[in-house]
Every structure is written in C-alpha cells, then in structure tokens.
Amino acid sequence: MNLPQPTPTELAALAAFDTPTICNALEVVMPETRARGYTTRPAVCGFPALKPMVGYARTARIRAKAAPTLSASEVRNQRHDYYRYVDAGPKPSVVLIQDLDGADAGYGAFWGEVQSAIHLGLGALGVVTNGSVRDIDPWAPGFQFLAGVIGPSHAYANVVDFGGEIDVLGMRVRSGDIVHADRHGAVVIPVAAIRDLPAAIDKVAKREASILAVARAPNCTAEKLIAVFKEQDAIH
C-alpha cells in the first residue's frame, strides 16, 4: 500500500524535537521499532547546536583505502551520476554514507570543505557516515555531520555505488526513507508513523513530566516515585 508522503510542514515540525524524543514516540506508535531502525554505534557530531535534521535519505557506499579499479573517466562519470542522484527526488535530504573499509573505515575522508558545500547546495541538511570527515574549519556552515571519525586525508575515497539499502553506524536505511538525526544519532521514521508522532510525543512528555516533578522536588522519596509509577501503569 502506498502511503501519502508527509508534507514539508509535517517534516519541519519534527525538527523541533531531538532524536531520543522521536525514538520514544515511535515506541508508542509502532512498538515493533523499539529495538531497530536507529544508529547503535558511536559517532562524532560536528555541530551539536544545530537543530535536528529531518529529510529524505540519499544513500551511497564508499571505499578509501585502495585505489578504485575503474578508469579515471569511469570514476568521474560515476561521481557525476551520484551528484545527479543526490539532486533528484524530494528535499530536504539527509545523506547517509556507508564506508566499506571494514575495521579501517575512515581511512580516507570523502567529506570535507568541498563535499559539504556541494551537498548543501544540492539540498542536503547533512551527512551520517561511519567513515571520516575533515576540513572542519572551512566546512559548509549549517551542514551537519555525524561521522565515525575525523581524519586528515582523503586517501582514495571514491563512490562505489549509490541508491541502495545500506548499513550505517548499525542502522539499516534505504534510499527515500525519512531520517531524523541530531547529536545523539539517527533514526528511520516509517511514513505510516509520521502523522501520529506529535500526539505520541505529547503523551510521553506528560508521562515524564509527572515523574520529573516528583524526582526534582526537595522532598522526593522512593515511595512517592513508586506512587507515580503505579498511577501511570493504571492509566496506560
């Protein structure tokens, strides 16, 4: 069944919430997502103060440790096709790159001053990768990154393929998926859940607020907290 795509307004509204909040709400709307669909490995966030990214996934895989086996012209044409792919489709986008160098992922950086500027110009909000980034000072302002490592060289960084399903930082993601990401990590949001998320976010927030009110009070006790838990269990 083809579900209606979210409106730009609906996507933008989700950027008001951090990624853990989105994960909590997804557990309410789709309990089966509780233990999947999000990053599970450490990442360096370039700009923690930037608001969360919410956009359509553009996926690719790269290698950097060994020189490509394609000819120079083939490498160039593939890179051009990759840029066309990033530019096509709904926006804003979030680029997700799987580095295929295994234990040496991050050996060479695909991302730096030039690529951050190019992808920002093509409508991307940022990148999530298990690989490396560099050129932090001249990095495109406003373009976020979550990366496995920061490094100095690009080595032989080259695009292997793009547009397929990948695994990045423990998260499976397909081209066109809706991704929410911030300094905590990233999560794939099923289209079927999007319109129900605001109500779920409000529900979780109210539940947590009643707990926090007791926990932060000067006369907090275990019994008072347990009373709140029991009340919530009776309601939910």
C-alpha atoms as a PDB file:
ATOM      1  CA  MET A   1       0.000   0.000   0.000  1.00  0.00           C
ATOM      2  CA  ASN A   2       1.358   3.393  -0.985  1.00  0.00           C
ATOM      3  CA  LEU A   3       1.034   5.770   1.932  1.00  0.00           C
ATOM      4  CA  PRO A   4       0.761   9.535   1.367  1.00  0.00           C
ATOM      5  CA  GLN A   5       4.067  11.288   1.811  1.00  0.00           C
ATOM      6  CA  PRO A   6       4.376  13.792   4.654  1.00  0.00           C
ATOM      7  CA  THR A   7       4.064  17.465   3.884  1.00  0.00           C
ATOM      8  CA  PRO A   8       7.068  19.794   4.270  1.00  0.00           C
ATOM      9  CA  THR A   9       5.284  21.313   7.261  1.00  0.00           C
ATOM     10  CA  GLU A  10       4.942  17.918   8.954  1.00  0.00           C
ATOM     11  CA  LEU A  11       8.630  17.160   8.447  1.00  0.00           C
ATOM     12  CA  ALA A  12       9.732  20.594   9.630  1.00  0.00           C
ATOM     13  CA  ALA A  13       7.640  20.211  12.784  1.00  0.00           C
ATOM     14  CA  LEU A  14       9.607  17.101  13.762  1.00  0.00           C
ATOM     15  CA  ALA A  15      12.830  19.123  13.752  1.00  0.00           C
ATOM     16  CA  ALA A  16      11.585  20.797  16.937  1.00  0.00           C
ATOM     17  CA  PHE A  17      12.286  17.560  18.831  1.00  0.00           C
ATOM     18  CA  ASP A  18      15.548  15.745  19.500  1.00  0.00           C
ATOM     19  CA  THR A  19      16.135  12.254  18.156  1.00  0.00           C
ATOM     20  CA  PRO A  20      15.653  10.453  21.512  1.00  0.00           C
ATOM     21  CA  THR A  21      12.201  12.061  21.718  1.00  0.00           C
ATOM     22  CA  ILE A  22      11.389  10.748  18.250  1.00  0.00           C
ATOM     23  CA  CYS A  23      12.572   7.264  19.265  1.00  0.00           C
ATOM     24  CA  ASN A  24      10.377   7.360  22.382  1.00  0.00           C
ATOM     25  CA  ALA A  25       7.355   8.406  20.336  1.00  0.00           C
ATOM     26  CA  LEU A  26       7.980   5.687  17.760  1.00  0.00           C
ATOM     27  CA  GLU A  27       7.846   3.108  20.560  1.00  0.00           C
ATOM     28  CA  VAL A  28       4.316   4.318  21.304  1.00  0.00           C
ATOM     29  CA  VAL A  29       3.131   4.455  17.698  1.00  0.00           C
ATOM     30  CA  MET A  30       4.980   1.361  16.447  1.00  0.00           C
ATOM     31  CA  PRO A  31       6.213  -0.774  19.372  1.00  0.00           C
ATOM     32  CA  GLU A  32       7.986  -3.127  16.967  1.00  0.00           C
ATOM     33  CA  THR A  33      10.545  -0.379  16.227  1.00  0.00           C
ATOM     34  CA  ARG A  34      11.799  -0.287  19.827  1.00  0.00           C
ATOM     35  CA  ALA A  35      14.997  -2.249  19.117  1.00  0.00           C
ATOM     36  CA  ARG A  36      15.692  -1.426  15.481  1.00  0.00           C
ATOM     37  CA  GLY A  37      15.855   1.347  12.938  1.00  0.00           C
ATOM     38  CA  TYR A  38      18.354   3.625  14.679  1.00  0.00           C
ATOM     39  CA  THR A  39      22.112   4.046  14.948  1.00  0.00           C
ATOM     40  CA  THR A  40      23.789   1.933  17.616  1.00  0.00           C
ATOM     41  CA  ARG A  41      27.453   2.850  17.227  1.00  0.00           C
ATOM     42  CA  PRO A  42      29.372   5.931  18.402  1.00  0.00           C
ATOM     43  CA  ALA A  43      29.657   8.944  16.128  1.00  0.00           C
ATOM     44  CA  VAL A  44      31.231  12.382  16.276  1.00  0.00           C
ATOM     45  CA  CYS A  45      28.678  15.168  15.874  1.00  0.00           C
ATOM     46  CA  GLY A  46      30.191  18.174  14.157  1.00  0.00           C
ATOM     47  CA  PHE A  47      27.791  20.838  15.350  1.00  0.00           C
ATOM     48  CA  PRO A  48      25.718  19.844  18.382  1.00  0.00           C
ATOM     49  CA  ALA A  49      23.966  23.227  18.493  1.00  0.00           C
ATOM     50  CA  LEU A  50      22.363  22.787  15.068  1.00  0.00           C
ATOM     51  CA  LYS A  51      18.710  21.784  15.075  1.00  0.00           C
ATOM     52  CA  PRO A  52      17.913  18.175  14.184  1.00  0.00           C
ATOM     53  CA  MET A  53      17.950  17.079  10.557  1.00  0.00           C
ATOM     54  CA  VAL A  54      14.737  15.661   9.121  1.00  0.00           C
ATOM     55  CA  GLY A  55      14.801  14.664   5.479  1.00  0.00           C
ATOM     56  CA  TYR A  56      14.741  12.029   2.775  1.00  0.00           C
ATOM     57  CA  ALA A  57      17.635   9.593   2.699  1.00  0.00           C
ATOM     58  CA  ARG A  58      20.169   9.644  -0.099  1.00  0.00           C
ATOM     59  CA  THR A  59      22.332   6.559   0.307  1.00  0.00           C
ATOM     60  CA  ALA A  60      25.753   5.595  -1.005  1.00  0.00           C
ATOM     61  CA  ARG A  61      28.724   3.351  -0.268  1.00  0.00           C
ATOM     62  CA  ILE A  62      32.377   4.368  -0.498  1.00  0.00           C
ATOM     63  CA  ARG A  63      35.885   2.967  -0.153  1.00  0.00           C
ATOM     64  CA  ALA A  64      39.063   4.892   0.552  1.00  0.00           C
ATOM     65  CA  LYS A  65      41.894   2.529   1.476  1.00  0.00           C
ATOM     66  CA  ALA A  66      42.565   1.131  -2.007  1.00  0.00           C
ATOM     67  CA  ALA A  67      42.595   2.863  -5.369  1.00  0.00           C
ATOM     68  CA  PRO A  68      39.453   2.278  -7.456  1.00  0.00           C
ATOM     69  CA  THR A  69      39.633  -0.372 -10.159  1.00  0.00           C
ATOM     70  CA  LEU A  70      37.619   1.773 -12.567  1.00  0.00           C
ATOM     71  CA  SER A  71      39.310   4.063 -15.052  1.00  0.00           C
ATOM     72  CA  ALA A  72      39.614   7.760 -14.286  1.00  0.00           C
ATOM     73  CA  SER A  73      36.786   8.581 -16.694  1.00  0.00           C
ATOM     74  CA  GLU A  74      34.552   5.888 -15.181  1.00  0.00           C
ATOM     75  CA  VAL A  75      35.214   7.214 -11.685  1.00  0.00           C
ATOM     76  CA  ARG A  76      34.403  10.730 -12.863  1.00  0.00           C
ATOM     77  CA  ASN A  77      31.181   9.668 -14.583  1.00  0.00           C
ATOM     78  CA  GLN A  78      30.077   7.693 -11.548  1.00  0.00           C
ATOM     79  CA  ARG A  79      30.671  10.725  -9.329  1.00  0.00           C
ATOM     80  CA  HIS A  80      28.597  12.860 -11.712  1.00  0.00           C
ATOM     81  CA  ASP A  81      25.774  10.316 -11.630  1.00  0.00           C
ATOM     82  CA  TYR A  82      25.958  10.295  -7.849  1.00  0.00           C
ATOM     83  CA  TYR A  83      25.532  14.081  -7.732  1.00  0.00           C
ATOM     84  CA  ARG A  84      22.539  13.812 -10.063  1.00  0.00           C
ATOM     85  CA  TYR A  85      21.044  11.250  -7.704  1.00  0.00           C
ATOM     86  CA  VAL A  86      21.531  13.498  -4.673  1.00  0.00           C
ATOM     87  CA  ASP A  87      19.927  16.385  -6.539  1.00  0.00           C
ATOM     88  CA  ALA A  88      16.899  14.367  -7.665  1.00  0.00           C
ATOM     89  CA  GLY A  89      13.904  13.404  -5.550  1.00  0.00           C
ATOM     90  CA  PRO A  90      12.179  15.090  -2.634  1.00  0.00           C
ATOM     91  CA  LYS A  91      14.013  17.562  -0.417  1.00  0.00           C
ATOM     92  CA  PRO A  92      15.360  18.340   2.066  1.00  0.00           C
ATOM     93  CA  SER A  93      17.603  15.310   2.095  1.00  0.00           C
ATOM     94  CA  VAL A  94      19.968  13.659   4.549  1.00  0.00           C
ATOM     95  CA  VAL A  95      22.961  11.879   3.017  1.00  0.00           C
ATOM     96  CA  LEU A  96      23.910   8.514   4.511  1.00  0.00           C
ATOM     97  CA  ILE A  97      27.238   7.002   3.501  1.00  0.00           C
ATOM     98  CA  GLN A  98      28.487   3.522   4.384  1.00  0.00           C
ATOM     99  CA  ASP A  99      32.279   3.212   4.387  1.00  0.00           C
ATOM    100  CA  LEU A 100      33.124  -0.305   3.190  1.00  0.00           C
ATOM    101  CA  ASP A 101      36.688  -0.391   4.519  1.00  0.00           C
ATOM    102  CA  GLY A 102      35.639  -2.540   7.481  1.00  0.00           C
ATOM    103  CA  ALA A 103      37.905  -2.169  10.505  1.00  0.00           C
ATOM    104  CA  ASP A 104      39.681   0.612   8.589  1.00  0.00           C
ATOM    105  CA  ALA A 105      36.515   2.610   7.916  1.00  0.00           C
ATOM    106  CA  GLY A 106      37.547   6.248   7.943  1.00  0.00           C
ATOM    107  CA  TYR A 107      40.951   5.525   6.387  1.00  0.00           C
ATOM    108  CA  GLY A 108      40.217   8.323   3.944  1.00  0.00           C
ATOM    109  CA  ALA A 109      37.628  11.089   4.127  1.00  0.00           C
ATOM    110  CA  PHE A 110      35.063  11.503   1.366  1.00  0.00           C
ATOM    111  CA  TRP A 111      33.763  14.520   3.269  1.00  0.00           C
ATOM    112  CA  GLY A 112      35.448  17.896   3.642  1.00  0.00           C
ATOM    113  CA  GLU A 113      35.124  21.537   2.633  1.00  0.00           C
ATOM    114  CA  VAL A 114      34.200  20.829  -0.988  1.00  0.00           C
ATOM    115  CA  GLN A 115      31.771  17.940  -0.490  1.00  0.00           C
ATOM    116  CA  SER A 116      29.967  19.674   2.363  1.00  0.00           C
ATOM    117  CA  ALA A 117      29.464  22.754   0.160  1.00  0.00           C
ATOM    118  CA  ILE A 118      28.340  20.675  -2.828  1.00  0.00           C
ATOM    119  CA  HIS A 119      25.808  18.658  -0.861  1.00  0.00           C
ATOM    120  CA  LEU A 120      24.456  21.713   0.936  1.00  0.00           C
ATOM    121  CA  GLY A 121      23.971  23.306  -2.468  1.00  0.00           C
ATOM    122  CA  LEU A 122      22.109  20.206  -3.652  1.00  0.00           C
ATOM    123  CA  GLY A 123      19.576  20.468  -0.832  1.00  0.00           C
ATOM    124  CA  ALA A 124      21.052  18.182   1.821  1.00  0.00           C
ATOM    125  CA  LEU A 125      20.935  19.077   5.504  1.00  0.00           C
ATOM    126  CA  GLY A 126      23.912  16.955   6.498  1.00  0.00           C
ATOM    127  CA  VAL A 127      25.563  13.553   6.419  1.00  0.00           C
ATOM    128  CA  VAL A 128      25.564  10.447   8.606  1.00  0.00           C
ATOM    129  CA  THR A 129      28.510   8.122   7.982  1.00  0.00           C
ATOM    130  CA  ASN A 130      30.645   5.500   9.666  1.00  0.00           C
ATOM    131  CA  GLY A 131      33.555   6.934   7.690  1.00  0.00           C
ATOM    132  CA  SER A 132      35.602  10.054   8.264  1.00  0.00           C
ATOM    133  CA  VAL A 133      35.344  13.787   7.662  1.00  0.00           C
ATOM    134  CA  ARG A 134      37.969  16.525   7.521  1.00  0.00           C
ATOM    135  CA  ASP A 135      38.340  20.283   6.858  1.00  0.00           C
ATOM    136  CA  ILE A 136      36.349  21.172   9.944  1.00  0.00           C
ATOM    137  CA  ASP A 137      37.171  24.897   9.919  1.00  0.00           C
ATOM    138  CA  PRO A 138      36.138  25.590   6.289  1.00  0.00           C
ATOM    139  CA  TRP A 139      33.227  23.129   6.457  1.00  0.00           C
ATOM    140  CA  ALA A 140      29.995  24.474   4.908  1.00  0.00           C
ATOM    141  CA  PRO A 141      28.143  26.464   7.607  1.00  0.00           C
ATOM    142  CA  GLY A 142      24.860  24.861   8.611  1.00  0.00           C
ATOM    143  CA  PHE A 143      25.702  21.444   7.134  1.00  0.00           C
ATOM    144  CA  GLN A 144      25.652  18.859   9.919  1.00  0.00           C
ATOM    145  CA  PHE A 145      27.710  15.705  10.198  1.00  0.00           C
ATOM    146  CA  LEU A 146      27.661  12.565  12.310  1.00  0.00           C
ATOM    147  CA  ALA A 147      30.800  10.628  11.469  1.00  0.00           C
ATOM    148  CA  GLY A 148      32.687   7.637  12.739  1.00  0.00           C
ATOM    149  CA  VAL A 149      35.982   9.507  12.862  1.00  0.00           C
ATOM    150  CA  ILE A 150      37.740  12.756  11.968  1.00  0.00           C
ATOM    151  CA  GLY A 151      40.876  12.361   9.865  1.00  0.00           C
ATOM    152  CA  PRO A 152      43.396  14.356   7.792  1.00  0.00           C
ATOM    153  CA  SER A 153      43.480  12.665   4.363  1.00  0.00           C
ATOM    154  CA  HIS A 154      41.042  11.651   1.650  1.00  0.00           C
ATOM    155  CA  ALA A 155      43.287   8.742   0.545  1.00  0.00           C
ATOM    156  CA  TYR A 156      41.459   7.065  -2.380  1.00  0.00           C
ATOM    157  CA  ALA A 157      37.926   7.980  -1.275  1.00  0.00           C
ATOM    158  CA  ASN A 158      35.546   7.091  -4.072  1.00  0.00           C
ATOM    159  CA  VAL A 159      31.882   6.257  -4.546  1.00  0.00           C
ATOM    160  CA  VAL A 160      31.299   2.517  -5.033  1.00  0.00           C
ATOM    161  CA  ASP A 161      27.537   2.687  -5.596  1.00  0.00           C
ATOM    162  CA  PHE A 162      24.513   4.660  -4.517  1.00  0.00           C
ATOM    163  CA  GLY A 163      20.752   4.494  -4.107  1.00  0.00           C
ATOM    164  CA  GLY A 164      20.607   1.111  -2.375  1.00  0.00           C
ATOM    165  CA  GLU A 165      19.959  -0.168   1.136  1.00  0.00           C
ATOM    166  CA  ILE A 166      22.964   0.360   3.403  1.00  0.00           C
ATOM    167  CA  ASP A 167      24.081  -0.125   6.993  1.00  0.00           C
ATOM    168  CA  VAL A 168      25.489   2.993   8.605  1.00  0.00           C
ATOM    169  CA  LEU A 169      26.511   3.039  12.267  1.00  0.00           C
ATOM    170  CA  GLY A 170      24.323  -0.021  12.856  1.00  0.00           C
ATOM    171  CA  MET A 171      21.207   1.442  11.190  1.00  0.00           C
ATOM    172  CA  ARG A 172      19.677  -0.086   8.081  1.00  0.00           C
ATOM    173  CA  VAL A 173      18.367   2.602   5.751  1.00  0.00           C
ATOM    174  CA  ARG A 174      17.032   2.703   2.214  1.00  0.00           C
ATOM    175  CA  SER A 175      17.074   5.494  -0.317  1.00  0.00           C
ATOM    176  CA  GLY A 176      13.972   7.622   0.209  1.00  0.00           C
ATOM    177  CA  ASP A 177      13.470   6.695   3.861  1.00  0.00           C
ATOM    178  CA  ILE A 178      12.723   9.584   6.185  1.00  0.00           C
ATOM    179  CA  VAL A 179      15.572  10.104   8.641  1.00  0.00           C
ATOM    180  CA  HIS A 180      15.725  12.172  11.825  1.00  0.00           C
ATOM    181  CA  ALA A 181      19.214  12.858  13.204  1.00  0.00           C
ATOM    182  CA  ASP A 182      20.962  15.028  15.760  1.00  0.00           C
ATOM    183  CA  ARG A 183      23.949  14.819  18.111  1.00  0.00           C
ATOM    184  CA  HIS A 184      22.555  11.627  19.672  1.00  0.00           C
ATOM    185  CA  GLY A 185      22.391   9.665  16.429  1.00  0.00           C
ATOM    186  CA  ALA A 186      19.830   8.926  13.729  1.00  0.00           C
ATOM    187  CA  VAL A 187      16.564   7.029  13.339  1.00  0.00           C
ATOM    188  CA  VAL A 188      14.458   5.989  10.358  1.00  0.00           C
ATOM    189  CA  ILE A 189      10.857   7.192  10.688  1.00  0.00           C
ATOM    190  CA  PRO A 190       8.312   4.947   8.939  1.00  0.00           C
ATOM    191  CA  VAL A 191       5.947   7.038   6.819  1.00  0.00           C
ATOM    192  CA  ALA A 192       2.975   5.339   8.481  1.00  0.00           C
ATOM    193  CA  ALA A 193       4.038   6.753  11.860  1.00  0.00           C
ATOM    194  CA  ILE A 194       4.636  10.383  10.989  1.00  0.00           C
ATOM    195  CA  ARG A 195       1.153  11.800  11.463  1.00  0.00           C
ATOM    196  CA  ASP A 196       0.763  10.041  14.819  1.00  0.00           C
ATOM    197  CA  LEU A 197       4.091  11.192  16.244  1.00  0.00           C
ATOM    198  CA  PRO A 198       3.014  14.618  17.604  1.00  0.00           C
ATOM    199  CA  ALA A 199       0.318  13.068  19.819  1.00  0.00           C
ATOM    200  CA  ALA A 200       2.723  10.346  20.956  1.00  0.00           C
ATOM    201  CA  ILE A 201       5.382  12.933  21.766  1.00  0.00           C
ATOM    202  CA  ASP A 202       2.859  14.826  23.891  1.00  0.00           C
ATOM    203  CA  LYS A 203       1.825  11.625  25.673  1.00  0.00           C
ATOM    204  CA  VAL A 204       5.410  10.690  26.544  1.00  0.00           C
ATOM    205  CA  ALA A 205       6.212  14.255  27.626  1.00  0.00           C
ATOM    206  CA  LYS A 206       3.276  14.347  30.045  1.00  0.00           C
ATOM    207  CA  ARG A 207       4.240  10.962  31.478  1.00  0.00           C
ATOM    208  CA  GLU A 208       7.825  12.072  32.029  1.00  0.00           C
ATOM    209  CA  ALA A 209       6.769  15.449  33.436  1.00  0.00           C
ATOM    210  CA  SER A 210       4.851  13.847  36.293  1.00  0.00           C
ATOM    211  CA  ILE A 211       7.868  11.695  37.167  1.00  0.00           C
ATOM    212  CA  LEU A 212      10.293  14.596  36.948  1.00  0.00           C
ATOM    213  CA  ALA A 213       8.098  16.802  39.120  1.00  0.00           C
ATOM    214  CA  VAL A 214       8.452  14.310  41.966  1.00  0.00           C
ATOM    215  CA  ALA A 215      12.112  13.480  41.267  1.00  0.00           C
ATOM    216  CA  ARG A 216      13.136  17.144  41.309  1.00  0.00           C
ATOM    217  CA  ALA A 217      11.146  18.080  44.390  1.00  0.00           C
ATOM    218  CA  PRO A 218      13.175  18.621  47.582  1.00  0.00           C
ATOM    219  CA  ASN A 219      11.117  16.004  49.436  1.00  0.00           C
ATOM    220  CA  CYS A 220      11.449  13.232  46.840  1.00  0.00           C
ATOM    221  CA  THR A 221      11.246   9.677  48.170  1.00  0.00           C
ATOM    222  CA  ALA A 222      11.172   6.261  46.547  1.00  0.00           C
ATOM    223  CA  GLU A 223       7.586   5.730  47.725  1.00  0.00           C
ATOM    224  CA  LYS A 224       6.415   8.959  46.095  1.00  0.00           C
ATOM    225  CA  LEU A 225       8.039   7.926  42.833  1.00  0.00           C
ATOM    226  CA  ILE A 226       6.526   4.451  43.041  1.00  0.00           C
ATOM    227  CA  ALA A 227       3.092   6.009  43.579  1.00  0.00           C
ATOM    228  CA  VAL A 228       3.501   7.945  40.333  1.00  0.00           C
ATOM    229  CA  PHE A 229       4.626   4.807  38.505  1.00  0.00           C
ATOM    230  CA  LYS A 230       1.591   2.883  39.774  1.00  0.00           C
ATOM    231  CA  GLU A 231      -0.751   5.673  38.734  1.00  0.00           C
ATOM    232  CA  GLN A 232       0.726   5.681  35.242  1.00  0.00           C
ATOM    233  CA  ASP A 233       0.529   1.897  34.990  1.00  0.00           C
ATOM    234  CA  ALA A 234      -3.156   2.084  35.848  1.00  0.00           C
ATOM    235  CA  ILE A 235      -3.754   4.654  33.105  1.00  0.00           C
ATOM    236  CA  HIS A 236      -1.546   3.180  30.381  1.00  0.00           C
END
